Amino acid sequence: MSAQYSAGGRHRGQHRDPVGAVLAGIRALGHVVTVLLLGGSIIHQLDSDHLGSPQAAGSAPDAAPLA
């Protein structure tokens, strides 16, 4: 009796691919870093200290007011 296995499956006694494991780890680490950077960017944008434009509000007008 012979067993039919799918091409991508791992079976008992089959050697693991260390390069594939390292590449998968690097890929997972890249995903984590990307999520952390995007989350930090979102938090920075939503921080209450950064709402509005303090430089424009604190500057003098470009032209003298018409009295």
N, C-alpha and C. Protein backbone atom coordinates (compact mmCIF):
# COMPACT_ATOMS: atom_id res chain seq x y z
N MET A 1 0.83 -1.17 0.00
CA MET A 1 0.00 0.00 0.00
C MET A 1 0.89 1.24 0.00
N SER A 2 0.65 2.16 -0.89
CA SER A 2 1.43 3.40 -0.92
C SER A 2 0.51 4.56 -0.57
N ALA A 3 1.10 5.52 0.10
CA ALA A 3 0.32 6.70 0.50
C ALA A 3 0.62 7.85 -0.45
N GLN A 4 -0.39 8.60 -0.78
CA GLN A 4 -0.23 9.78 -1.64
C GLN A 4 -0.15 11.01 -0.74
N TYR A 5 0.91 11.81 -0.90
CA TYR A 5 1.10 13.02 -0.11
C TYR A 5 1.09 14.22 -1.03
N SER A 6 0.64 15.35 -0.48
CA SER A 6 0.68 16.58 -1.25
C SER A 6 2.14 17.06 -1.34
N ALA A 7 2.44 17.86 -2.33
CA ALA A 7 3.81 18.28 -2.59
C ALA A 7 4.34 19.21 -1.50
N GLY A 8 3.49 19.98 -0.84
CA GLY A 8 3.96 20.96 0.13
C GLY A 8 3.96 20.48 1.56
N GLY A 9 3.48 19.30 1.85
CA GLY A 9 3.36 18.84 3.23
C GLY A 9 4.67 18.30 3.78
N ARG A 10 4.78 18.29 5.11
CA ARG A 10 5.94 17.70 5.77
C ARG A 10 5.51 16.41 6.43
N HIS A 11 6.39 15.44 6.40
CA HIS A 11 6.06 14.14 6.95
C HIS A 11 7.15 13.70 7.90
N ARG A 12 6.83 12.76 8.76
CA ARG A 12 7.78 12.25 9.72
C ARG A 12 9.01 11.71 8.99
N GLY A 13 10.17 12.10 9.46
CA GLY A 13 11.40 11.63 8.83
C GLY A 13 11.91 12.55 7.74
N GLN A 14 11.10 13.49 7.29
CA GLN A 14 11.53 14.42 6.25
C GLN A 14 12.35 15.53 6.90
N HIS A 15 13.48 15.88 6.30
CA HIS A 15 14.35 16.91 6.88
C HIS A 15 13.73 18.28 6.69
N ARG A 16 13.96 19.13 7.68
CA ARG A 16 13.46 20.50 7.62
C ARG A 16 14.44 21.36 6.84
N ASP A 17 13.92 22.39 6.22
CA ASP A 17 14.73 23.31 5.43
C ASP A 17 15.11 24.49 6.32
N PRO A 18 16.38 24.58 6.77
CA PRO A 18 16.76 25.68 7.67
C PRO A 18 16.73 27.04 6.98
N VAL A 19 17.02 27.09 5.70
CA VAL A 19 16.99 28.36 4.97
C VAL A 19 15.55 28.87 4.88
N GLY A 20 14.63 27.98 4.61
CA GLY A 20 13.22 28.36 4.55
C GLY A 20 12.71 28.86 5.89
N ALA A 21 13.17 28.23 6.97
CA ALA A 21 12.75 28.66 8.30
C ALA A 21 13.30 30.05 8.61
N VAL A 22 14.55 30.31 8.23
CA VAL A 22 15.15 31.63 8.46
C VAL A 22 14.43 32.69 7.64
N LEU A 23 14.14 32.39 6.40
CA LEU A 23 13.43 33.35 5.54
C LEU A 23 12.02 33.63 6.07
N ALA A 24 11.36 32.61 6.57
CA ALA A 24 10.03 32.81 7.14
C ALA A 24 10.11 33.67 8.40
N GLY A 25 11.15 33.47 9.20
CA GLY A 25 11.33 34.30 10.39
C GLY A 25 11.61 35.75 10.04
N ILE A 26 12.44 35.97 9.02
CA ILE A 26 12.73 37.34 8.58
C ILE A 26 11.47 38.00 8.04
N ARG A 27 10.68 37.24 7.31
CA ARG A 27 9.42 37.79 6.77
C ARG A 27 8.46 38.16 7.89
N ALA A 28 8.34 37.29 8.90
CA ALA A 28 7.47 37.59 10.03
C ALA A 28 7.97 38.81 10.80
N LEU A 29 9.28 38.91 10.99
CA LEU A 29 9.85 40.06 11.67
C LEU A 29 9.59 41.34 10.89
N GLY A 30 9.68 41.27 9.56
CA GLY A 30 9.38 42.42 8.72
C GLY A 30 7.94 42.88 8.87
N HIS A 31 7.03 41.93 8.97
CA HIS A 31 5.62 42.27 9.16
C HIS A 31 5.40 42.97 10.51
N VAL A 32 6.05 42.45 11.54
CA VAL A 32 5.91 43.05 12.88
C VAL A 32 6.46 44.47 12.88
N VAL A 33 7.63 44.66 12.28
CA VAL A 33 8.24 46.00 12.23
C VAL A 33 7.34 46.96 11.45
N THR A 34 6.77 46.50 10.34
CA THR A 34 5.89 47.35 9.54
C THR A 34 4.66 47.77 10.34
N VAL A 35 4.05 46.84 11.04
CA VAL A 35 2.87 47.16 11.83
C VAL A 35 3.23 48.15 12.95
N LEU A 36 4.38 47.96 13.59
CA LEU A 36 4.79 48.87 14.66
C LEU A 36 5.06 50.27 14.11
N LEU A 37 5.71 50.38 12.96
CA LEU A 37 5.99 51.69 12.38
C LEU A 37 4.70 52.39 11.95
N LEU A 38 3.79 51.65 11.34
CA LEU A 38 2.51 52.26 10.95
C LEU A 38 1.70 52.67 12.18
N GLY A 39 1.72 51.85 13.22
CA GLY A 39 1.00 52.19 14.44
C GLY A 39 1.60 53.43 15.10
N GLY A 40 2.92 53.53 15.12
CA GLY A 40 3.57 54.71 15.68
C GLY A 40 3.25 55.96 14.89
N SER A 41 3.19 55.83 13.58
CA SER A 41 2.84 56.96 12.73
C SER A 41 1.41 57.42 12.99
N ILE A 42 0.50 56.48 13.15
CA ILE A 42 -0.90 56.83 13.41
C ILE A 42 -1.04 57.50 14.77
N ILE A 43 -0.36 56.96 15.77
CA ILE A 43 -0.42 57.56 17.11
C ILE A 43 0.15 58.97 17.09
N HIS A 44 1.23 59.16 16.36
CA HIS A 44 1.84 60.49 16.25
C HIS A 44 0.88 61.48 15.58
N GLN A 45 0.19 61.03 14.54
CA GLN A 45 -0.74 61.91 13.84
C GLN A 45 -1.96 62.24 14.68
N LEU A 46 -2.39 61.33 15.52
CA LEU A 46 -3.60 61.55 16.32
C LEU A 46 -3.30 62.18 17.68
N ASP A 47 -2.03 62.42 17.99
CA ASP A 47 -1.67 63.04 19.26
C ASP A 47 -2.26 64.44 19.32
N SER A 48 -2.81 64.82 20.46
CA SER A 48 -3.49 66.12 20.58
C SER A 48 -2.54 67.29 20.45
N ASP A 49 -1.25 67.11 20.73
CA ASP A 49 -0.28 68.20 20.59
C ASP A 49 -0.03 68.55 19.13
N HIS A 50 -0.37 67.68 18.23
CA HIS A 50 -0.08 67.91 16.83
C HIS A 50 -1.30 68.28 16.01
N LEU A 51 -2.44 68.49 16.65
CA LEU A 51 -3.64 68.86 15.91
C LEU A 51 -3.56 70.33 15.52
N GLY A 52 -3.97 70.64 14.33
CA GLY A 52 -3.91 72.01 13.84
C GLY A 52 -2.51 72.37 13.41
N SER A 53 -2.30 73.64 13.16
CA SER A 53 -1.00 74.11 12.73
C SER A 53 -0.55 75.25 13.65
N PRO A 54 0.22 74.96 14.69
CA PRO A 54 0.61 76.01 15.62
C PRO A 54 1.52 77.06 14.98
N GLN A 55 2.30 76.72 13.96
CA GLN A 55 3.17 77.69 13.33
C GLN A 55 2.34 78.76 12.61
N ALA A 56 1.31 78.35 11.91
CA ALA A 56 0.47 79.30 11.17
C ALA A 56 -0.35 80.15 12.14
N ALA A 57 -0.82 79.58 13.22
CA ALA A 57 -1.65 80.32 14.16
C ALA A 57 -0.83 81.35 14.94
N GLY A 58 0.44 81.07 15.19
CA GLY A 58 1.26 81.97 15.97
C GLY A 58 2.01 83.00 15.15
N SER A 59 1.91 82.97 13.85
CA SER A 59 2.66 83.89 13.01
C SER A 59 1.85 85.17 12.74
N ALA A 60 2.57 86.19 12.34
CA ALA A 60 1.92 87.46 12.00
C ALA A 60 1.33 87.36 10.61
N PRO A 61 0.28 88.12 10.30
CA PRO A 61 -0.31 88.09 8.97
C PRO A 61 0.68 88.65 7.93
N ASP A 62 0.51 88.25 6.67
CA ASP A 62 1.41 88.69 5.60
C ASP A 62 1.18 90.14 5.22
N ALA A 63 -0.03 90.62 5.33
CA ALA A 63 -0.35 92.00 4.93
C ALA A 63 -0.93 92.75 6.12
N ALA A 64 -0.76 94.05 6.11
CA ALA A 64 -1.33 94.87 7.16
C ALA A 64 -2.85 94.86 7.05
N PRO A 65 -3.54 94.82 8.18
CA PRO A 65 -5.00 94.81 8.11
C PRO A 65 -5.54 96.14 7.57
N LEU A 66 -6.62 96.05 6.82
CA LEU A 66 -7.28 97.25 6.28
C LEU A 66 -8.14 97.84 7.38
N ALA A 67 -7.88 99.04 7.77
CA ALA A 67 -8.63 99.63 8.87
C ALA A 67 -9.65 100.51 8.30
